[in-house]
Amino acid sequence: MNQPTEGTKKLALDLRASFKDRCDSAAKRRSLSQIAWWTEAGEEKLRRDGPAKEQNRE
């Protein structure tokens, strides 16, 4: 069986790192959009329910 050359090993490592970076970036974008959605939903609920419910919680 042929052993991979140093160039092939480096290419494989570069591709793996690139893929991991893309996955990490996508995960961050999903997290940020989820945070934004929850924040908007929470603000909408406060507007709808009014400050009275917020005061009852304290």
N, C-alpha and C. Protein backbone atom coordinates (compact mmCIF):
# COMPACT_ATOMS: atom_id res chain seq x y z
N MET A 1 0.84 -1.18 0.00
CA MET A 1 0.00 0.00 0.00
C MET A 1 0.89 1.24 0.00
N ASN A 2 0.51 2.24 -0.77
CA ASN A 2 1.31 3.47 -0.86
C ASN A 2 1.10 4.34 0.37
N GLN A 3 2.20 4.90 0.84
CA GLN A 3 2.13 5.84 1.96
C GLN A 3 1.86 7.24 1.41
N PRO A 4 1.05 8.04 2.09
CA PRO A 4 0.79 9.40 1.60
C PRO A 4 2.06 10.25 1.70
N THR A 5 2.23 11.12 0.75
CA THR A 5 3.40 12.01 0.76
C THR A 5 3.15 13.13 1.76
N GLU A 6 4.21 13.86 2.06
CA GLU A 6 4.09 14.99 2.98
C GLU A 6 3.10 16.03 2.45
N GLY A 7 3.14 16.26 1.13
CA GLY A 7 2.22 17.22 0.52
C GLY A 7 0.77 16.79 0.69
N THR A 8 0.52 15.51 0.52
CA THR A 8 -0.84 14.99 0.68
C THR A 8 -1.30 15.11 2.13
N LYS A 9 -0.39 14.82 3.06
CA LYS A 9 -0.73 14.95 4.48
C LYS A 9 -1.07 16.40 4.82
N LYS A 10 -0.24 17.34 4.30
CA LYS A 10 -0.47 18.76 4.58
C LYS A 10 -1.81 19.20 3.98
N LEU A 11 -2.09 18.77 2.76
CA LEU A 11 -3.36 19.12 2.12
C LEU A 11 -4.54 18.60 2.94
N ALA A 12 -4.43 17.37 3.42
CA ALA A 12 -5.51 16.78 4.22
C ALA A 12 -5.72 17.58 5.51
N LEU A 13 -4.62 17.97 6.16
CA LEU A 13 -4.73 18.76 7.39
C LEU A 13 -5.33 20.14 7.11
N ASP A 14 -4.91 20.76 6.00
CA ASP A 14 -5.45 22.07 5.63
C ASP A 14 -6.95 21.97 5.35
N LEU A 15 -7.36 20.93 4.63
CA LEU A 15 -8.78 20.76 4.32
C LEU A 15 -9.59 20.52 5.60
N ARG A 16 -9.04 19.73 6.49
CA ARG A 16 -9.73 19.45 7.76
C ARG A 16 -9.88 20.74 8.57
N ALA A 17 -8.82 21.55 8.63
CA ALA A 17 -8.87 22.81 9.38
C ALA A 17 -9.88 23.76 8.74
N SER A 18 -9.88 23.82 7.41
CA SER A 18 -10.81 24.69 6.71
C SER A 18 -12.25 24.27 6.97
N PHE A 19 -12.51 22.98 6.94
CA PHE A 19 -13.85 22.46 7.19
C PHE A 19 -14.28 22.79 8.62
N LYS A 20 -13.37 22.61 9.58
CA LYS A 20 -13.69 22.90 10.97
C LYS A 20 -13.99 24.38 11.14
N ASP A 21 -13.21 25.26 10.50
CA ASP A 21 -13.46 26.70 10.58
C ASP A 21 -14.84 27.05 10.03
N ARG A 22 -15.19 26.44 8.90
CA ARG A 22 -16.51 26.71 8.31
C ARG A 22 -17.62 26.23 9.22
N CYS A 23 -17.45 25.07 9.82
CA CYS A 23 -18.46 24.53 10.74
C CYS A 23 -18.59 25.43 11.97
N ASP A 24 -17.45 25.87 12.51
CA ASP A 24 -17.47 26.75 13.68
C ASP A 24 -18.17 28.07 13.34
N SER A 25 -17.87 28.62 12.17
CA SER A 25 -18.49 29.88 11.75
C SER A 25 -20.00 29.71 11.60
N ALA A 26 -20.41 28.61 11.00
CA ALA A 26 -21.84 28.36 10.82
C ALA A 26 -22.53 28.20 12.17
N ALA A 27 -21.88 27.53 13.10
CA ALA A 27 -22.46 27.36 14.44
C ALA A 27 -22.60 28.70 15.15
N LYS A 28 -21.61 29.58 15.00
CA LYS A 28 -21.69 30.91 15.61
C LYS A 28 -22.84 31.70 15.00
N ARG A 29 -22.98 31.64 13.67
CA ARG A 29 -24.08 32.37 13.03
C ARG A 29 -25.42 31.85 13.52
N ARG A 30 -25.56 30.52 13.63
CA ARG A 30 -26.81 29.96 14.13
C ARG A 30 -27.08 30.43 15.55
N SER A 31 -26.05 30.41 16.39
CA SER A 31 -26.23 30.84 17.78
C SER A 31 -26.63 32.30 17.85
N LEU A 32 -25.97 33.14 17.07
CA LEU A 32 -26.28 34.57 17.10
C LEU A 32 -27.69 34.83 16.59
N SER A 33 -28.11 34.12 15.54
CA SER A 33 -29.46 34.34 15.03
C SER A 33 -30.49 33.83 16.03
N GLN A 34 -30.17 32.76 16.74
CA GLN A 34 -31.08 32.24 17.76
C GLN A 34 -31.20 33.22 18.91
N ILE A 35 -30.07 33.80 19.34
CA ILE A 35 -30.09 34.80 20.41
C ILE A 35 -30.92 36.00 19.97
N ALA A 36 -30.72 36.44 18.73
CA ALA A 36 -31.48 37.58 18.22
C ALA A 36 -32.97 37.25 18.20
N TRP A 37 -33.32 36.04 17.78
CA TRP A 37 -34.73 35.66 17.72
C TRP A 37 -35.33 35.65 19.12
N TRP A 38 -34.65 35.05 20.10
CA TRP A 38 -35.18 35.00 21.46
C TRP A 38 -35.29 36.39 22.05
N THR A 39 -34.33 37.26 21.75
CA THR A 39 -34.38 38.63 22.26
C THR A 39 -35.58 39.35 21.68
N GLU A 40 -35.78 39.24 20.37
CA GLU A 40 -36.93 39.88 19.73
C GLU A 40 -38.24 39.32 20.28
N ALA A 41 -38.30 38.01 20.46
CA ALA A 41 -39.52 37.38 20.99
C ALA A 41 -39.78 37.87 22.42
N GLY A 42 -38.73 37.98 23.22
CA GLY A 42 -38.89 38.47 24.59
C GLY A 42 -39.34 39.91 24.64
N GLU A 43 -38.77 40.74 23.77
CA GLU A 43 -39.18 42.15 23.73
C GLU A 43 -40.64 42.27 23.29
N GLU A 44 -41.03 41.46 22.32
CA GLU A 44 -42.42 41.48 21.85
C GLU A 44 -43.36 41.06 22.98
N LYS A 45 -42.98 40.04 23.74
CA LYS A 45 -43.81 39.57 24.86
C LYS A 45 -43.94 40.67 25.91
N LEU A 46 -42.85 41.38 26.21
CA LEU A 46 -42.92 42.47 27.18
C LEU A 46 -43.85 43.58 26.69
N ARG A 47 -43.75 43.91 25.40
CA ARG A 47 -44.64 44.94 24.85
C ARG A 47 -46.10 44.50 24.95
N ARG A 48 -46.33 43.22 24.65
CA ARG A 48 -47.69 42.70 24.63
C ARG A 48 -48.26 42.58 26.04
N ASP A 49 -47.48 42.05 26.96
CA ASP A 49 -47.97 41.82 28.33
C ASP A 49 -47.90 43.07 29.19
N GLY A 50 -47.06 43.99 28.82
CA GLY A 50 -46.91 45.21 29.59
C GLY A 50 -45.98 45.03 30.78
N PRO A 51 -45.65 46.13 31.44
CA PRO A 51 -44.69 46.07 32.55
C PRO A 51 -45.27 45.42 33.81
N ALA A 52 -46.58 45.27 33.92
CA ALA A 52 -47.19 44.72 35.14
C ALA A 52 -46.69 43.31 35.42
N LYS A 53 -46.64 42.47 34.42
CA LYS A 53 -46.18 41.09 34.64
C LYS A 53 -44.71 41.07 35.04
N GLU A 54 -43.93 41.97 34.47
CA GLU A 54 -42.51 42.04 34.81
C GLU A 54 -42.36 42.43 36.28
N GLN A 55 -43.18 43.35 36.78
CA GLN A 55 -43.10 43.77 38.18
C GLN A 55 -43.54 42.65 39.12
N ASN A 56 -44.50 41.84 38.70
CA ASN A 56 -44.98 40.74 39.54
C ASN A 56 -43.88 39.71 39.78
N ARG A 57 -42.95 39.61 38.86
CA ARG A 57 -41.88 38.63 38.97
C ARG A 57 -40.90 38.98 40.08
N GLU A 58 -40.77 40.28 40.38
CA GLU A 58 -39.76 40.73 41.35
C GLU A 58 -40.11 40.45 42.76
